[in-house]
Amino acid sequence: MKINDNMDGRIRKNIKSGLSVAIVLKEDQSTGRLTDGIVRDILTKSLKHPHGIKVRLMSGEVGRVKEIY
């Protein structure tokens, strides 16, 4: 099954401020537990990242995007 490129959290151009996403926090990487929120800032400078683009949510939490809603 092909992933829709617009929903791929590993590509920076897909992530915009105000977007609803699920991220994995650093402390949850071992369990894969996801945290939902709204993107405030994009922290990754590169165009792509194999583990997901790092963002800061409106809540202040920082993690890598795993899902885009």
N, C-alpha and C. Protein backbone atom coordinates (compact mmCIF):
# COMPACT_ATOMS: atom_id res chain seq x y z
N MET A 1 0.85 -1.19 0.00
CA MET A 1 0.00 0.00 0.00
C MET A 1 0.89 1.24 0.00
N LYS A 2 0.66 2.16 -0.92
CA LYS A 2 1.45 3.38 -1.03
C LYS A 2 0.94 4.43 -0.06
N ILE A 3 1.85 5.05 0.65
CA ILE A 3 1.49 6.13 1.57
C ILE A 3 1.24 7.39 0.75
N ASN A 4 0.16 8.08 1.06
CA ASN A 4 -0.12 9.36 0.41
C ASN A 4 0.99 10.33 0.80
N ASP A 5 1.72 10.87 -0.20
CA ASP A 5 2.86 11.74 0.07
C ASP A 5 2.48 12.98 0.88
N ASN A 6 1.24 13.45 0.78
CA ASN A 6 0.79 14.63 1.53
C ASN A 6 0.62 14.31 3.02
N MET A 7 0.53 13.03 3.35
CA MET A 7 0.32 12.63 4.73
C MET A 7 1.59 12.04 5.35
N ASP A 8 2.71 12.18 4.66
CA ASP A 8 3.97 11.61 5.13
C ASP A 8 4.68 12.60 6.06
N GLY A 9 4.77 12.25 7.33
CA GLY A 9 5.38 13.11 8.33
C GLY A 9 6.90 13.19 8.25
N ARG A 10 7.50 12.47 7.29
CA ARG A 10 8.95 12.52 7.11
C ARG A 10 9.37 13.60 6.12
N ILE A 11 8.39 14.27 5.49
CA ILE A 11 8.67 15.29 4.49
C ILE A 11 8.24 16.66 5.03
N ARG A 12 9.20 17.59 5.10
CA ARG A 12 8.99 18.89 5.75
C ARG A 12 7.87 19.71 5.10
N LYS A 13 7.76 19.66 3.76
CA LYS A 13 6.77 20.49 3.07
C LYS A 13 5.33 20.09 3.42
N ASN A 14 5.13 18.89 3.98
CA ASN A 14 3.79 18.44 4.38
C ASN A 14 3.35 19.01 5.72
N ILE A 15 4.28 19.56 6.47
CA ILE A 15 4.00 20.03 7.83
C ILE A 15 3.85 21.55 7.81
N LYS A 16 2.74 22.02 8.35
CA LYS A 16 2.47 23.46 8.42
C LYS A 16 2.02 23.81 9.84
N SER A 17 2.30 25.03 10.25
CA SER A 17 1.81 25.50 11.55
C SER A 17 0.29 25.45 11.54
N GLY A 18 -0.31 24.96 12.62
CA GLY A 18 -1.76 24.86 12.73
C GLY A 18 -2.31 23.50 12.33
N LEU A 19 -1.46 22.64 11.80
CA LEU A 19 -1.87 21.30 11.36
C LEU A 19 -2.06 20.38 12.56
N SER A 20 -3.04 19.51 12.49
CA SER A 20 -3.29 18.52 13.53
C SER A 20 -2.46 17.27 13.24
N VAL A 21 -1.62 16.88 14.20
CA VAL A 21 -0.70 15.76 14.00
C VAL A 21 -0.62 14.88 15.24
N ALA A 22 0.01 13.71 15.07
CA ALA A 22 0.38 12.84 16.18
C ALA A 22 1.90 12.74 16.16
N ILE A 23 2.53 12.99 17.31
CA ILE A 23 3.99 12.92 17.40
C ILE A 23 4.38 11.85 18.42
N VAL A 24 5.62 11.41 18.31
CA VAL A 24 6.19 10.55 19.35
C VAL A 24 7.20 11.41 20.11
N LEU A 25 7.01 11.52 21.41
CA LEU A 25 7.93 12.26 22.28
C LEU A 25 9.20 11.44 22.49
N LYS A 26 10.30 12.11 22.81
CA LYS A 26 11.58 11.43 23.04
C LYS A 26 11.43 10.31 24.07
N GLU A 27 10.75 10.60 25.17
CA GLU A 27 10.61 9.59 26.23
C GLU A 27 9.68 8.44 25.85
N ASP A 28 8.91 8.60 24.76
CA ASP A 28 7.98 7.56 24.31
C ASP A 28 8.50 6.78 23.10
N GLN A 29 9.74 7.06 22.68
CA GLN A 29 10.27 6.39 21.49
C GLN A 29 10.33 4.87 21.65
N SER A 30 10.63 4.40 22.86
CA SER A 30 10.74 2.96 23.08
C SER A 30 9.38 2.27 23.01
N THR A 31 8.32 2.96 23.40
CA THR A 31 6.99 2.36 23.39
C THR A 31 6.21 2.71 22.12
N GLY A 32 6.58 3.82 21.46
CA GLY A 32 5.86 4.25 20.26
C GLY A 32 4.56 4.97 20.57
N ARG A 33 4.34 5.32 21.84
CA ARG A 33 3.11 6.03 22.25
C ARG A 33 3.03 7.39 21.56
N LEU A 34 1.87 7.69 20.98
CA LEU A 34 1.69 8.93 20.23
C LEU A 34 0.97 9.98 21.06
N THR A 35 1.30 11.23 20.80
CA THR A 35 0.69 12.38 21.45
C THR A 35 0.08 13.26 20.37
N ASP A 36 -1.22 13.55 20.48
CA ASP A 36 -1.91 14.40 19.50
C ASP A 36 -1.75 15.87 19.86
N GLY A 37 -1.75 16.71 18.82
CA GLY A 37 -1.68 18.15 19.06
C GLY A 37 -1.67 18.94 17.77
N ILE A 38 -1.53 20.24 17.93
CA ILE A 38 -1.50 21.18 16.81
C ILE A 38 -0.07 21.73 16.70
N VAL A 39 0.48 21.75 15.47
CA VAL A 39 1.84 22.23 15.24
C VAL A 39 1.94 23.73 15.50
N ARG A 40 2.90 24.12 16.33
CA ARG A 40 3.22 25.53 16.54
C ARG A 40 4.45 25.91 15.72
N ASP A 41 5.54 25.12 15.86
CA ASP A 41 6.80 25.40 15.16
C ASP A 41 7.35 24.14 14.53
N ILE A 42 8.02 24.30 13.39
CA ILE A 42 8.74 23.21 12.75
C ILE A 42 10.21 23.38 13.14
N LEU A 43 10.79 22.35 13.74
CA LEU A 43 12.15 22.45 14.26
C LEU A 43 13.19 21.83 13.33
N THR A 44 12.82 20.88 12.51
CA THR A 44 13.75 20.25 11.58
C THR A 44 13.99 21.18 10.40
N LYS A 45 15.25 21.42 10.08
CA LYS A 45 15.61 22.31 8.96
C LYS A 45 15.71 21.57 7.63
N SER A 46 16.05 20.29 7.66
CA SER A 46 16.22 19.54 6.41
C SER A 46 14.87 19.25 5.76
N LEU A 47 14.89 18.97 4.45
CA LEU A 47 13.66 18.74 3.70
C LEU A 47 12.98 17.43 4.07
N LYS A 48 13.78 16.43 4.48
CA LYS A 48 13.26 15.12 4.86
C LYS A 48 14.01 14.62 6.09
N HIS A 49 13.35 13.76 6.85
CA HIS A 49 14.03 13.09 7.97
C HIS A 49 13.44 11.68 8.09
N PRO A 50 14.28 10.65 8.15
CA PRO A 50 13.77 9.28 8.15
C PRO A 50 12.89 8.91 9.35
N HIS A 51 13.03 9.63 10.47
CA HIS A 51 12.24 9.31 11.67
C HIS A 51 11.07 10.27 11.87
N GLY A 52 10.90 11.21 10.95
CA GLY A 52 9.82 12.19 11.07
C GLY A 52 10.36 13.58 11.34
N ILE A 53 9.63 14.57 10.88
CA ILE A 53 10.01 15.96 11.08
C ILE A 53 9.76 16.34 12.54
N LYS A 54 10.73 16.99 13.16
CA LYS A 54 10.58 17.38 14.57
C LYS A 54 9.81 18.69 14.65
N VAL A 55 8.78 18.71 15.51
CA VAL A 55 7.93 19.90 15.68
C VAL A 55 7.70 20.19 17.15
N ARG A 56 7.27 21.42 17.42
CA ARG A 56 6.80 21.82 18.75
C ARG A 56 5.30 22.01 18.62
N LEU A 57 4.55 21.40 19.52
CA LEU A 57 3.09 21.55 19.53
C LEU A 57 2.69 22.82 20.28
N MET A 58 1.43 23.22 20.14
CA MET A 58 0.90 24.37 20.87
C MET A 58 1.07 24.18 22.38
N SER A 59 1.06 22.93 22.83
CA SER A 59 1.21 22.61 24.25
C SER A 59 2.65 22.76 24.73
N GLY A 60 3.59 22.92 23.77
CA GLY A 60 4.99 23.05 24.12
C GLY A 60 5.76 21.75 24.01
N GLU A 61 5.06 20.64 23.82
CA GLU A 61 5.71 19.34 23.68
C GLU A 61 6.45 19.26 22.35
N VAL A 62 7.60 18.57 22.34
CA VAL A 62 8.43 18.44 21.15
C VAL A 62 8.57 16.97 20.80
N GLY A 63 8.40 16.66 19.51
CA GLY A 63 8.56 15.28 19.06
C GLY A 63 8.55 15.21 17.55
N ARG A 64 8.64 13.98 17.05
CA ARG A 64 8.67 13.76 15.61
C ARG A 64 7.30 13.33 15.09
N VAL A 65 6.90 13.90 13.95
CA VAL A 65 5.59 13.64 13.37
C VAL A 65 5.52 12.20 12.85
N LYS A 66 4.50 11.48 13.31
CA LYS A 66 4.25 10.12 12.85
C LYS A 66 2.97 10.03 12.04
N GLU A 67 2.01 10.88 12.33
CA GLU A 67 0.74 10.89 11.59
C GLU A 67 0.28 12.32 11.39
N ILE A 68 -0.37 12.56 10.24
CA ILE A 68 -0.97 13.85 9.93
C ILE A 68 -2.46 13.61 9.75
N TYR A 69 -3.29 14.43 10.39
CA TYR A 69 -4.75 14.24 10.30
C TYR A 69 -5.38 15.22 9.34
